[in-house]
Protein backbone atom coordinates (compact mmCIF):
# COMPACT_ATOMS: atom_id res chain seq x y z
CA MET A 1 -0.02 -0.16 -0.34
CA ALA A 2 3.12 2.10 -0.14
CA ARG A 3 2.50 3.61 -3.04
CA PHE A 4 -1.17 4.90 -2.48
CA VAL A 5 -0.79 5.89 1.55
CA GLU A 6 1.46 8.00 3.44
CA PHE A 7 0.63 6.42 6.70
CA TYR A 8 -2.91 5.46 8.93
CA TRP A 9 -3.44 7.41 12.31
CA HIS A 10 -5.64 6.53 15.32
CA VAL A 11 -7.78 9.11 17.48
CA ARG A 12 -9.30 8.28 20.64
CA TRP A 13 -10.77 10.13 23.52
CA ARG A 14 -12.59 10.37 26.74
CA THR A 15 -13.71 13.58 27.19
CA ASP A 16 -16.48 14.87 30.07
CA GLU A 17 -16.38 18.75 28.19
CA PRO A 18 -16.87 18.62 25.01
CA TYR A 19 -14.47 19.99 22.56
CA GLU A 20 -13.43 21.50 19.52
CA THR A 21 -10.02 20.15 17.73
CA LYS A 22 -8.64 22.39 14.91
CA VAL A 23 -5.78 20.82 12.45
CA LEU A 24 -3.97 23.25 9.10
CA SER A 25 -4.91 20.25 7.05
CA HIS A 26 -1.89 18.88 4.21
CA PRO A 27 -3.11 18.56 0.58
CA ASN A 28 -4.43 14.59 1.09
CA VAL A 29 -7.48 12.90 0.91
CA HIS A 30 -8.56 11.01 4.02
CA LEU A 31 -10.52 7.51 4.48
CA VAL A 32 -11.53 7.32 8.77
CA PHE A 33 -13.50 4.76 10.13
CA GLU A 34 -15.58 5.99 12.33
CA GLU A 35 -19.22 6.18 13.51
CA PRO A 36 -21.84 5.56 12.67
CA ALA A 37 -19.67 4.78 9.38
CA PRO A 38 -16.69 6.00 7.35
CA LEU A 39 -16.25 8.94 5.75
CA VAL A 40 -13.58 10.39 2.62
CA TYR A 41 -12.53 13.39 3.76
CA GLY A 42 -11.27 15.41 0.42
CA VAL A 43 -8.94 18.32 0.90
CA ASP A 44 -10.25 20.92 3.42
CA ARG A 45 -8.77 24.32 1.65
CA SER A 46 -9.42 26.00 4.71
CA LEU A 47 -8.91 25.10 8.36
CA PHE A 48 -10.28 21.52 9.86
CA VAL A 49 -12.51 21.56 12.65
CA ARG A 50 -13.86 18.58 14.77
CA ARG A 51 -15.75 18.06 17.18
CA LEU A 52 -14.72 15.39 20.30
CA GLU A 53 -17.13 14.91 23.07
CA GLY A 54 -17.97 11.47 25.12
CA ARG A 55 -16.35 8.96 23.58
CA GLY A 56 -14.44 7.06 21.20
CA GLN A 57 -12.01 6.89 18.44
CA VAL A 58 -11.89 6.75 14.76
CA LEU A 59 -9.14 5.27 12.58
CA GLY A 60 -8.09 6.88 9.88
CA VAL A 61 -5.55 6.19 6.25
CA LYS A 62 -4.35 9.75 4.96
CA PHE A 63 -3.48 8.87 1.18
CA ARG A 64 -0.75 10.43 -0.85
CA PRO A 65 -1.05 13.51 -2.52
CA GLY A 66 -2.58 12.75 -5.87
CA CYS A 67 -2.55 9.25 -5.00
CA PHE A 68 -6.31 8.81 -4.10
CA ARG A 69 -7.52 9.98 -7.63
CA PRO A 70 -7.28 6.22 -8.58
CA PHE A 71 -9.91 4.65 -5.99
CA ALA A 72 -12.15 7.83 -7.00
CA ASP A 73 -14.86 7.41 -10.04
CA GLY A 74 -13.24 11.61 -10.83
CA PRO A 75 -11.79 14.21 -10.24
CA VAL A 76 -10.85 14.64 -6.42
CA ILE A 77 -11.43 18.34 -6.70
CA ASP A 78 -14.77 17.24 -6.60
CA LEU A 79 -14.47 16.38 -3.49
CA ALA A 80 -12.55 19.30 -2.48
CA ASP A 81 -13.74 20.61 1.46
CA ARG A 82 -16.34 17.47 1.13
CA ARG A 83 -16.61 15.15 3.15
CA VAL A 84 -19.40 11.64 1.92
CA PRO A 85 -20.13 8.11 2.95
CA ALA A 86 -17.14 6.59 2.09
CA ALA A 87 -19.65 3.44 0.65
CA THR A 88 -19.97 6.11 -1.85
CA VAL A 89 -16.46 5.44 -3.67
CA PHE A 90 -15.65 1.91 -2.50
CA PRO A 91 -18.18 -1.06 -2.26
CA ARG A 92 -20.76 -0.99 -0.04
CA ARG A 93 -19.53 -3.52 2.60
CA VAL A 94 -16.80 -0.71 3.66
CA ASP A 95 -18.83 0.28 6.39
CA GLU A 96 -19.36 -3.66 7.36
CA VAL A 97 -15.32 -3.38 7.41
CA GLY A 98 -15.17 0.01 9.52
CA ARG A 99 -17.33 -1.76 12.60
CA ALA A 100 -15.12 -4.44 13.12
CA ILE A 101 -12.32 -2.26 12.68
CA LEU A 102 -13.88 0.10 15.45
CA GLN A 103 -14.48 -2.91 17.24
CA SER A 104 -11.02 -4.81 17.54
CA THR A 105 -8.55 -5.00 20.62
CA GLY A 106 -5.44 -2.66 19.78
CA LEU A 107 -4.71 -0.65 16.66
CA ASP A 108 -1.86 -3.43 15.05
CA ALA A 109 -5.18 -5.49 14.21
CA MET A 110 -7.31 -2.35 13.19
CA VAL A 111 -5.05 -1.16 10.97
CA ARG A 112 -4.29 -4.71 9.77
CA LEU A 113 -8.22 -4.93 9.16
CA ALA A 114 -7.98 -1.80 6.96
CA GLU A 115 -5.16 -2.55 4.88
CA GLU A 116 -6.32 -5.73 3.21
CA PHE A 117 -9.99 -4.66 2.78
CA LEU A 118 -7.76 -1.91 0.47
CA LEU A 119 -5.70 -5.03 -0.58
CA ASP A 120 -8.20 -6.54 -1.80
CA ASP A 121 -8.97 -6.98 -5.23
CA ASP A 122 -11.99 -5.76 -6.11
CA VAL A 123 -10.36 -2.03 -3.84
CA LEU A 124 -7.45 -1.62 -5.07
CA PRO A 125 -6.60 0.72 -8.31
CA ALA A 126 -4.32 -0.66 -10.74
CA PRO A 127 -1.11 1.17 -10.65
CA ASP A 128 -1.15 5.15 -12.04
CA PRO A 129 1.77 6.37 -13.37
CA VAL A 130 -0.19 9.96 -13.70
CA ALA A 131 -0.32 9.31 -9.75
CA GLU A 132 2.61 8.77 -8.79
CA GLU A 133 4.01 11.94 -10.54
CA VAL A 134 1.91 14.35 -9.20
CA ALA A 135 3.36 13.19 -6.00
CA ALA A 136 6.45 13.52 -6.60
CA MET A 137 5.25 16.92 -7.82
CA VAL A 138 3.70 17.84 -4.67
CA GLU A 139 6.94 16.80 -2.77
CA THR A 140 9.25 18.88 -4.68
CA ILE A 141 6.87 22.09 -4.63
CA THR A 142 6.79 21.98 -0.80
CA ALA A 143 9.89 21.10 0.14
CA ASP A 144 11.69 23.91 -2.09
CA PRO A 145 10.44 27.07 0.34
CA ALA A 146 11.92 29.19 -2.72
CA LEU A 147 9.00 28.11 -4.70
CA PHE A 148 5.88 31.15 -4.68
CA ARG A 149 4.49 31.36 -7.55
CA VAL A 150 2.71 28.68 -9.51
CA ASP A 151 4.39 29.78 -12.91
CA GLN A 152 7.50 28.92 -10.60
CA ALA A 153 6.80 25.75 -9.80
CA ALA A 154 5.66 25.16 -13.28
CA GLY A 155 9.02 25.96 -13.94
CA THR A 156 10.91 23.36 -11.92
CA LEU A 157 8.72 20.62 -12.82
CA HIS A 158 9.28 21.25 -16.13
CA VAL A 159 5.42 21.74 -17.23
CA SER A 160 3.16 24.34 -17.89
CA ALA A 161 1.04 26.50 -14.94
CA ARG A 162 -1.54 25.06 -17.23
CA THR A 163 -0.81 21.52 -16.96
CA LEU A 164 0.17 22.17 -13.34
CA GLN A 165 -3.34 23.16 -12.43
CA ARG A 166 -4.92 20.68 -14.62
CA LEU A 167 -3.08 17.76 -13.22
CA PHE A 168 -3.78 19.21 -9.43
CA ALA A 169 -7.41 19.79 -10.29
CA GLU A 170 -7.80 15.65 -10.91
CA TYR A 171 -5.74 13.84 -9.01
CA VAL A 172 -5.05 16.33 -5.10
CA GLY A 173 -8.66 17.86 -5.49
CA ALA A 174 -6.58 21.60 -4.63
CA SER A 175 -4.91 24.52 -6.87
CA PRO A 176 -1.14 24.29 -6.96
CA LYS A 177 -0.93 28.17 -5.24
CA TRP A 178 -3.07 26.23 -2.53
CA VAL A 179 -0.76 23.98 -1.87
CA LEU A 180 2.25 26.27 -2.33
CA ARG A 181 0.30 28.85 0.09
CA ARG A 182 -0.37 25.86 2.68
CA ALA A 183 2.84 24.63 2.65
CA ARG A 184 4.24 28.28 3.82
CA LEU A 185 2.00 28.19 6.51
CA HIS A 186 3.19 25.19 7.47
CA GLU A 187 6.58 25.86 8.22
CA ALA A 188 5.35 29.44 10.22
CA ALA A 189 3.21 26.76 12.52
CA SER A 190 6.63 25.17 13.05
CA ARG A 191 8.68 27.69 13.49
CA ALA A 192 5.77 28.90 16.02
CA ASP A 193 5.82 25.57 17.51
CA GLU A 194 9.49 25.61 18.01
CA GLY A 195 8.90 27.73 21.68
CA VAL A 196 11.99 29.69 20.32
CA ARG A 197 11.77 33.99 19.73
CA VAL A 198 10.54 34.33 16.04
CA ASP A 199 11.68 37.27 13.99
CA TRP A 200 8.75 36.98 12.24
CA ALA A 201 9.58 39.93 9.55
CA ALA A 202 12.87 37.86 8.32
CA LEU A 203 10.83 34.35 8.29
CA ALA A 204 7.71 36.28 6.40
CA ASP A 205 10.55 37.62 3.74
CA ASP A 206 11.78 34.17 3.69
CA LEU A 207 8.51 32.46 2.67
CA GLY A 208 7.99 35.13 0.11
CA TYR A 209 5.97 37.46 1.60
CA PHE A 210 5.65 41.27 1.27
CA ASP A 211 5.94 41.52 4.85
CA GLN A 212 5.61 40.78 8.16
CA SER A 213 2.23 42.04 7.79
CA HIS A 214 1.36 40.12 4.61
CA LEU A 215 2.37 36.62 7.03
CA THR A 216 0.25 37.60 9.71
CA ARG A 217 -3.08 38.79 7.83
CA ASP A 218 -2.58 35.23 5.73
CA PHE A 219 -2.13 33.19 9.01
CA THR A 220 -5.09 34.67 10.95
CA ALA A 221 -7.28 34.33 8.01
CA THR A 222 -6.85 30.53 8.12
CA VAL A 223 -5.79 29.74 11.76
CA GLY A 224 -8.15 32.28 13.54
CA VAL A 225 -4.51 33.93 15.24
CA SER A 226 -1.75 35.41 14.98
CA PRO A 227 1.39 33.85 14.25
CA ALA A 228 2.85 35.93 17.45
CA LYS A 229 -0.83 34.45 19.53
CA TYR A 230 -0.37 31.02 17.62
CA ALA A 231 3.78 31.05 19.23
CA GLY A 232 2.65 31.78 22.53
CA LEU A 233 -0.34 28.86 22.91
CA SER A 234 1.81 26.72 21.56
CA SER A 235 4.46 27.29 24.49
């Protein structure tokens, strides 16, 4: 499954008071085994928010960027900012598999059941070389802090900007511009999480923003707080 799946993740909670968990999402599609039925989560282009209450658990499958397309019936952009019943994408027995996973004892057993399902002949798609190519594209442009614009990314990848936009809509579920911008926000959040004083003006310059106020506006619009306040919350 390594060519399709980035990793499996698991969350278990038990709380007396409901609370919201917030995640600055990446350009990945997730298959989440949860109650009352499994869901497929497209790329969340804003801030992913989930309310947790009582007790429960979920097992998630995080697909590599671009690598959910072979499982889907259409462009992955159609799933953007949406969560849909997994049974509309996978064979309907995914609901039964989901119940078995959540009733399993131990994380290893849960992951094994999920992987066995994805490897079944009627689920596992044929290799798609374009999906691999797009995954490599995402990795390349998000790893290079010098890439700020779509035309720069297209030049680095030796494709036209229009081709890049078409491939990302079909396979990733978000535009190249969004992927580049989100990578910058993740870098800013990562610096804030380090617990040391951050020179926000210098960081803004490193990340290709016009100035510190531009970084602050972009970060605040997505995360809900300024970078400086986020750093205070992290510490």
